[in-house]
Amino acid sequence: MKKLIIISGPSGAGEDSVIEGLAKLMPIERVVTTTTRDMRKGESEGNPYHFISREAFQEGLANDDFFEHAKQDRENYYGVTHKEIERVRSSKRIGIWKVDYKGVFNAKHVLAPEESTAILISAPISVIEQRLRSRDSEHSEAFIQERLAYAQGWFDHRDIFDHEIENVQGKLDQTIATVARIIGEELGLDKTLDL
């Protein structure tokens, strides 16, 4: 199995920005997660998720369609199908899988150590709070506090990650370059990456 690069971090750490930056440096193929949560403004089917009903998700679970899954984020289901993993594996591009820390646990349980590398994108909790407040101004204080409490899960389970990179405020390009270098080393591409 071609090695998957797992990128994870709490909301506000900047993992989406890192992945967008990686796409400009190297040929990546994103694993698209399936979720039961509602589609948000600016999203569409397949970007960044496959959106299905709770009933359809549960039917998929009964049919063993999912490679891994977890219930998270306001009791919504998130999971990746076997079909999606096969799509990414058959690609000639670098497989990037964004998943939360519970998904990392599941992936590490299912995949052999040589089949994945998990990278934690982190930031101090104070910075995460600042970022959440600046981008989620329409959300309630309770929502922000819920997000911050959920973020703690990443910090409590740092040991499941192979690498941790702090996304320092104002130094996103540096974070992207560091992650790209790690990916190059993990996949034996470091001599071909011009970083």
Protein backbone atom coordinates (compact mmCIF):
# COMPACT_ATOMS: atom_id res chain seq x y z
CA MET A 1 0.00 0.00 0.00
CA LYS A 2 1.28 3.44 -0.90
CA LYS A 3 1.95 5.49 2.25
CA LEU A 4 -0.78 7.94 3.18
CA ILE A 5 0.14 11.28 4.72
CA ILE A 6 -2.31 12.08 7.51
CA ILE A 7 -2.58 15.75 8.44
CA SER A 8 -4.53 16.63 11.56
CA GLY A 9 -5.05 19.54 13.88
CA PRO A 10 -7.73 21.26 15.91
CA SER A 11 -10.00 23.81 14.30
CA GLY A 12 -8.00 27.04 14.13
CA ALA A 13 -4.57 25.39 13.90
CA GLY A 14 -4.41 25.96 10.14
CA GLU A 15 -4.34 22.43 8.73
CA ASP A 16 -6.55 23.40 5.76
CA SER A 17 -4.23 26.30 4.90
CA VAL A 18 -1.24 23.96 5.11
CA ILE A 19 -2.87 21.47 2.73
CA GLU A 20 -3.77 24.26 0.29
CA GLY A 21 -0.14 25.38 0.40
CA LEU A 22 1.14 21.84 -0.17
CA ALA A 23 -1.01 21.60 -3.30
CA LYS A 24 1.07 24.42 -4.79
CA LEU A 25 4.35 22.63 -4.06
CA MET A 26 3.63 19.00 -4.89
CA PRO A 27 1.07 16.80 -6.68
CA ILE A 28 -1.39 15.79 -3.97
CA GLU A 29 -4.59 13.78 -4.00
CA ARG A 30 -6.88 14.44 -1.05
CA VAL A 31 -8.85 11.71 0.65
CA VAL A 32 -12.42 13.01 0.70
CA THR A 33 -14.20 12.22 3.96
CA THR A 34 -17.92 11.46 4.07
CA THR A 35 -19.94 13.28 6.75
CA THR A 36 -23.47 13.68 8.02
CA ARG A 37 -22.97 17.31 9.00
CA ASP A 38 -24.71 20.09 7.10
CA MET A 39 -22.98 21.71 4.17
CA ARG A 40 -21.62 25.17 5.02
CA LYS A 41 -21.37 28.31 2.93
CA GLY A 42 -18.72 27.94 0.24
CA GLU A 43 -18.79 24.13 0.33
CA SER A 44 -20.13 21.77 -2.32
CA GLU A 45 -20.51 18.03 -2.74
CA GLY A 46 -17.02 16.55 -2.74
CA ASN A 47 -15.42 19.80 -1.56
CA PRO A 48 -14.31 19.36 1.14
CA TYR A 49 -16.61 16.43 2.03
CA HIS A 50 -19.10 13.98 0.61
CA PHE A 51 -22.34 14.98 2.36
CA ILE A 52 -24.87 12.24 3.09
CA SER A 53 -27.75 11.66 5.49
CA ARG A 54 -27.32 9.96 8.85
CA GLU A 55 -29.47 7.09 7.56
CA ALA A 56 -27.26 6.63 4.48
CA PHE A 57 -24.14 6.69 6.65
CA GLN A 58 -25.57 4.07 9.01
CA GLU A 59 -26.51 1.93 6.02
CA GLY A 60 -22.91 2.22 4.82
CA LEU A 61 -21.70 1.10 8.24
CA ALA A 62 -24.01 -1.92 8.12
CA ASN A 63 -22.61 -2.79 4.68
CA ASP A 64 -18.98 -2.42 5.86
CA ASP A 65 -18.41 0.37 3.31
CA PHE A 66 -16.17 2.39 5.64
CA PHE A 67 -12.42 2.03 6.04
CA GLU A 68 -12.71 4.02 9.29
CA HIS A 69 -15.31 6.21 10.94
CA ALA A 70 -16.02 8.14 14.11
CA LYS A 71 -18.79 10.16 15.67
CA GLN A 72 -17.52 13.65 16.45
CA ASP A 73 -18.17 17.37 16.03
CA ARG A 74 -21.67 17.85 17.47
CA GLU A 75 -22.53 14.14 17.14
CA ASN A 76 -22.07 14.01 13.38
CA TYR A 77 -20.53 10.98 11.69
CA TYR A 78 -17.32 11.29 9.70
CA GLY A 79 -15.69 8.45 7.82
CA VAL A 80 -13.69 7.38 4.80
CA THR A 81 -14.93 4.60 2.56
CA HIS A 82 -12.83 1.71 1.29
CA LYS A 83 -13.65 2.97 -2.20
CA GLU A 84 -12.18 6.40 -1.42
CA ILE A 85 -8.96 4.93 0.00
CA GLU A 86 -8.60 2.77 -3.12
CA ARG A 87 -9.16 5.83 -5.34
CA VAL A 88 -6.34 7.71 -3.62
CA ARG A 89 -4.05 4.66 -3.52
CA SER A 90 -4.45 4.12 -7.26
CA SER A 91 -3.55 7.76 -7.93
CA LYS A 92 0.01 8.58 -8.97
CA ARG A 93 -0.13 11.58 -6.63
CA ILE A 94 0.70 11.98 -2.93
CA GLY A 95 -2.25 10.88 -0.80
CA ILE A 96 -3.18 13.48 1.83
CA TRP A 97 -5.75 12.55 4.45
CA LYS A 98 -7.13 15.26 6.75
CA VAL A 99 -8.78 13.68 9.75
CA ASP A 100 -9.32 14.57 13.41
CA TYR A 101 -7.40 12.91 16.24
CA LYS A 102 -10.05 10.20 16.65
CA GLY A 103 -9.62 9.36 12.98
CA VAL A 104 -5.84 9.18 13.50
CA PHE A 105 -6.42 6.60 16.25
CA ASN A 106 -8.60 4.58 13.88
CA ALA A 107 -6.16 4.88 10.97
CA LYS A 108 -3.24 3.80 13.13
CA HIS A 109 -5.28 0.79 14.25
CA VAL A 110 -6.15 -0.23 10.66
CA LEU A 111 -2.90 0.66 8.85
CA ALA A 112 0.53 -0.87 9.38
CA PRO A 113 3.18 1.64 10.60
CA GLU A 114 4.80 1.79 7.16
CA GLU A 115 1.47 2.60 5.49
CA SER A 116 0.95 6.06 7.00
CA THR A 117 2.65 9.06 8.55
CA ALA A 118 0.61 11.30 10.85
CA ILE A 119 1.51 14.99 11.12
CA LEU A 120 -0.03 17.18 13.82
CA ILE A 121 -0.44 20.85 12.91
CA SER A 122 -0.58 22.65 16.24
CA ALA A 123 -0.73 26.13 17.72
CA PRO A 124 -0.97 27.40 21.29
CA ILE A 125 -4.55 27.20 22.60
CA SER A 126 -4.58 31.00 22.99
CA VAL A 127 -3.78 31.40 19.28
CA ILE A 128 -6.43 28.83 18.34
CA GLU A 129 -8.98 30.76 20.39
CA GLN A 130 -8.00 34.03 18.70
CA ARG A 131 -8.32 32.45 15.24
CA LEU A 132 -11.68 30.87 16.07
CA ARG A 133 -13.07 34.16 17.35
CA SER A 134 -11.85 36.11 14.32
CA ARG A 135 -13.38 33.73 11.78
CA ASP A 136 -16.46 32.52 13.65
CA SER A 137 -17.88 35.85 14.80
CA GLU A 138 -21.43 34.70 14.08
CA HIS A 139 -21.15 31.76 16.49
CA SER A 140 -22.11 31.82 20.14
CA GLU A 141 -19.70 31.83 23.05
CA ALA A 142 -20.89 28.30 23.87
CA PHE A 143 -19.89 27.17 20.35
CA ILE A 144 -16.40 28.70 20.73
CA GLN A 145 -15.94 27.05 24.12
CA GLU A 146 -17.10 23.71 22.68
CA ARG A 147 -14.52 24.02 19.89
CA LEU A 148 -11.77 24.86 22.37
CA ALA A 149 -12.68 21.90 24.58
CA TYR A 150 -12.61 19.61 21.54
CA ALA A 151 -9.21 21.05 20.52
CA GLN A 152 -7.75 19.79 23.77
CA GLY A 153 -8.09 16.24 22.43
CA TRP A 154 -5.20 16.82 20.03
CA PHE A 155 -2.94 18.05 22.81
CA ASP A 156 -3.93 15.16 25.08
CA HIS A 157 -3.02 12.65 22.36
CA ARG A 158 0.15 14.10 20.85
CA ASP A 159 1.84 10.70 21.19
CA ILE A 160 -0.18 9.17 18.33
CA PHE A 161 1.48 11.49 15.81
CA ASP A 162 4.77 10.86 14.04
CA HIS A 163 5.53 14.59 13.68
CA GLU A 164 4.25 17.81 15.25
CA ILE A 165 4.68 21.18 13.56
CA GLU A 166 3.60 24.41 15.24
CA ASN A 167 1.90 26.76 12.81
CA VAL A 168 3.37 29.97 14.20
CA GLN A 169 1.24 33.09 13.68
CA GLY A 170 2.40 34.92 10.56
CA LYS A 171 4.71 32.09 9.43
CA LEU A 172 2.36 29.88 7.43
CA ASP A 173 4.79 29.61 4.48
CA GLN A 174 7.45 28.28 6.84
CA THR A 175 5.00 25.72 8.25
CA ILE A 176 4.05 24.57 4.74
CA ALA A 177 7.71 24.23 3.72
CA THR A 178 8.48 22.20 6.86
CA VAL A 179 5.55 19.84 6.25
CA ALA A 180 6.52 19.48 2.58
CA ARG A 181 10.06 18.59 3.61
CA ILE A 182 8.79 15.93 6.04
CA ILE A 183 6.56 14.46 3.33
CA GLY A 184 9.50 14.38 0.93
CA GLU A 185 11.63 12.57 3.47
CA GLU A 186 8.86 10.10 4.40
CA LEU A 187 8.21 9.22 0.76
CA GLY A 188 11.83 9.32 -0.39
CA LEU A 189 11.19 12.39 -2.53
CA ASP A 190 13.48 14.86 -0.75
CA LYS A 191 15.98 14.91 -3.62
CA THR A 192 13.25 15.86 -6.10
CA LEU A 193 11.56 18.57 -4.03
CA ASP A 194 12.95 22.03 -4.58
CA LEU A 195 12.16 23.57 -1.19
